[in-house]
Structures are given as C-alpha cells and as structure tokens.
Amino acid sequence: MSTLDTMATEQLDTHLAQLEDRLGRDYANVARTRLHAMVDRERARFAGARIHAFVPILVERAVRAALTTP
C-alpha cells in the first residue's frame, strides 16, 4: 500500500526526469551528468517543502537561469 508521501515522491521523480530530458534537448552542449547534478542540487533546496506541486517549475527556472548566465 502506497502512502501519499510515497506517491508524491514518485510523481516528483517522474516530473524531474522529464525535466532533465527537456533540458538535455534544449542544452545539448551540456553534459547529462552536469544537468543531473544541477537538478539534484536544486531539488535538495526543496526537500523540506510540504507541497511538491511547484518544485519542478522552480527547479527548472533555477537550472535554466544558471545555464544561461554567462
């Protein structure tokens, strides 16, 4: 039997994996390992968040900003 926390974590994992794929396509010149590390680092900032619905968009914005900053 799954708990709500488990289901939320699984959904978050799925959304972040899809995000990594999008970032990989959009920033093909960036190594996948670097993208993964960046997504993980940003995700960790929200580890204690009670609501995970906005985590993927916040992670995406932070990673894209980091990648576009000269």
C-alpha atoms as a PDB file:
ATOM      1  CA  MET A   1       0.000   0.000   0.000  1.00  0.00           C
ATOM      2  CA  SER A   2       1.398   3.406  -1.010  1.00  0.00           C
ATOM      3  CA  THR A   3       1.233   6.418   1.192  1.00  0.00           C
ATOM      4  CA  LEU A   4       0.550   9.896  -0.110  1.00  0.00           C
ATOM      5  CA  ASP A   5       4.178  10.816   0.548  1.00  0.00           C
ATOM      6  CA  THR A   6       5.388   7.870  -1.493  1.00  0.00           C
ATOM      7  CA  MET A   7       3.054   8.728  -4.350  1.00  0.00           C
ATOM      8  CA  ALA A   8       4.090  12.384  -4.241  1.00  0.00           C
ATOM      9  CA  THR A   9       7.765  11.409  -4.296  1.00  0.00           C
ATOM     10  CA  GLU A  10       7.235   9.072  -7.241  1.00  0.00           C
ATOM     11  CA  GLN A  11       5.380  11.765  -9.174  1.00  0.00           C
ATOM     12  CA  LEU A  12       8.083  14.292  -8.368  1.00  0.00           C
ATOM     13  CA  ASP A  13      10.751  11.845  -9.550  1.00  0.00           C
ATOM     14  CA  THR A  14       8.845  11.380 -12.815  1.00  0.00           C
ATOM     15  CA  HIS A  15       8.413  15.113 -13.374  1.00  0.00           C
ATOM     16  CA  LEU A  16      12.071  15.825 -12.666  1.00  0.00           C
ATOM     17  CA  ALA A  17      13.199  13.028 -15.001  1.00  0.00           C
ATOM     18  CA  GLN A  18      11.055  14.572 -17.747  1.00  0.00           C
ATOM     19  CA  LEU A  19      12.556  17.955 -16.912  1.00  0.00           C
ATOM     20  CA  GLU A  20      16.084  16.544 -17.283  1.00  0.00           C
ATOM     21  CA  ASP A  21      15.127  15.168 -20.690  1.00  0.00           C
ATOM     22  CA  ARG A  22      13.808  18.581 -21.801  1.00  0.00           C
ATOM     23  CA  LEU A  23      16.896  20.336 -20.514  1.00  0.00           C
ATOM     24  CA  GLY A  24      19.060  17.772 -22.294  1.00  0.00           C
ATOM     25  CA  ARG A  25      17.342  18.598 -25.579  1.00  0.00           C
ATOM     26  CA  ASP A  26      17.417  22.348 -25.013  1.00  0.00           C
ATOM     27  CA  TYR A  27      21.030  22.402 -23.820  1.00  0.00           C
ATOM     28  CA  ALA A  28      22.572  19.642 -25.894  1.00  0.00           C
ATOM     29  CA  ASN A  29      26.034  21.106 -25.323  1.00  0.00           C
ATOM     30  CA  VAL A  30      25.780  20.465 -21.558  1.00  0.00           C
ATOM     31  CA  ALA A  31      26.768  17.037 -20.248  1.00  0.00           C
ATOM     32  CA  ARG A  32      23.872  14.972 -18.877  1.00  0.00           C
ATOM     33  CA  THR A  33      25.789  14.357 -15.670  1.00  0.00           C
ATOM     34  CA  ARG A  34      26.062  18.112 -15.124  1.00  0.00           C
ATOM     35  CA  LEU A  35      22.344  18.609 -15.793  1.00  0.00           C
ATOM     36  CA  HIS A  36      21.501  15.799 -13.380  1.00  0.00           C
ATOM     37  CA  ALA A  37      23.722  17.308 -10.696  1.00  0.00           C
ATOM     38  CA  MET A  38      22.138  20.729 -11.175  1.00  0.00           C
ATOM     39  CA  VAL A  39      18.606  19.329 -10.963  1.00  0.00           C
ATOM     40  CA  ASP A  40      19.525  17.319  -7.861  1.00  0.00           C
ATOM     41  CA  ARG A  41      21.079  20.348  -6.192  1.00  0.00           C
ATOM     42  CA  GLU A  42      18.003  22.489  -6.836  1.00  0.00           C
ATOM     43  CA  ARG A  43      15.672  19.681  -5.764  1.00  0.00           C
ATOM     44  CA  ALA A  44      17.533  19.411  -2.479  1.00  0.00           C
ATOM     45  CA  ARG A  45      16.663  23.041  -1.721  1.00  0.00           C
ATOM     46  CA  PHE A  46      13.007  21.991  -1.543  1.00  0.00           C
ATOM     47  CA  ALA A  47      13.483  18.742   0.369  1.00  0.00           C
ATOM     48  CA  GLY A  48      11.527  20.010   3.361  1.00  0.00           C
ATOM     49  CA  ALA A  49       8.686  21.503   1.341  1.00  0.00           C
ATOM     50  CA  ARG A  50       5.249  20.377   2.419  1.00  0.00           C
ATOM     51  CA  ILE A  51       3.804  20.866  -1.063  1.00  0.00           C
ATOM     52  CA  HIS A  52       5.738  19.493  -4.019  1.00  0.00           C
ATOM     53  CA  ALA A  53       3.452  20.687  -6.823  1.00  0.00           C
ATOM     54  CA  PHE A  54       5.641  23.665  -7.713  1.00  0.00           C
ATOM     55  CA  VAL A  55       9.042  22.047  -7.198  1.00  0.00           C
ATOM     56  CA  PRO A  56       9.558  21.044 -10.860  1.00  0.00           C
ATOM     57  CA  ILE A  57       8.906  24.554 -12.178  1.00  0.00           C
ATOM     58  CA  LEU A  58      11.099  26.134  -9.517  1.00  0.00           C
ATOM     59  CA  VAL A  59      13.886  23.660 -10.270  1.00  0.00           C
ATOM     60  CA  GLU A  60      13.542  24.277 -13.995  1.00  0.00           C
ATOM     61  CA  ARG A  61      13.713  28.062 -13.608  1.00  0.00           C
ATOM     62  CA  ALA A  62      16.804  27.862 -11.399  1.00  0.00           C
ATOM     63  CA  VAL A  63      18.653  25.435 -13.685  1.00  0.00           C
ATOM     64  CA  ARG A  64      17.796  27.388 -16.846  1.00  0.00           C
ATOM     65  CA  ALA A  65      18.911  30.623 -15.183  1.00  0.00           C
ATOM     66  CA  ALA A  66      22.204  29.013 -14.182  1.00  0.00           C
ATOM     67  CA  LEU A  67      22.754  27.681 -17.685  1.00  0.00           C
ATOM     68  CA  THR A  68      22.037  30.983 -19.406  1.00  0.00           C
ATOM     69  CA  THR A  69      24.117  33.138 -17.087  1.00  0.00           C
ATOM     70  CA  PRO A  70      27.399  33.937 -18.821  1.00  0.00           C
END
